Amino acid sequence: MAAVKMYTTLVCPFCVRAKMLLKQRGVEQIDEIRVDLNPGERQEMMARTGRRTVPQIFIGDTHVGGCDDLIALDQRGGLLPLLQAA
């Protein structure tokens, strides 16, 4: 299964939803980067994604986007193949 990296904050309902969906799809480990604890990580996230909001989700080297993007990808049937690609 592909590595999953997610930029998050502690009190983010969208982060919780995204993590729940990933776990439902068999993801056992999510590399969580807390941008609320380290402002430098937020700057890195913004540089990598062009976005300010969390979560920002990467599966392998692919930037999926935020929670809504992840849900849309799953509904299109694209999430499982991406997770299994690596």
Foldseek 3Di string as FASTA:
>chain_A
DFAKEWEAADPDVQVVLQVVVVVVLPDDDYRYHYCVVPVVVQVVVCVVPVDNDDTFMDGHNRTQGTSVSQVVCVVVVNPNCSNPVD
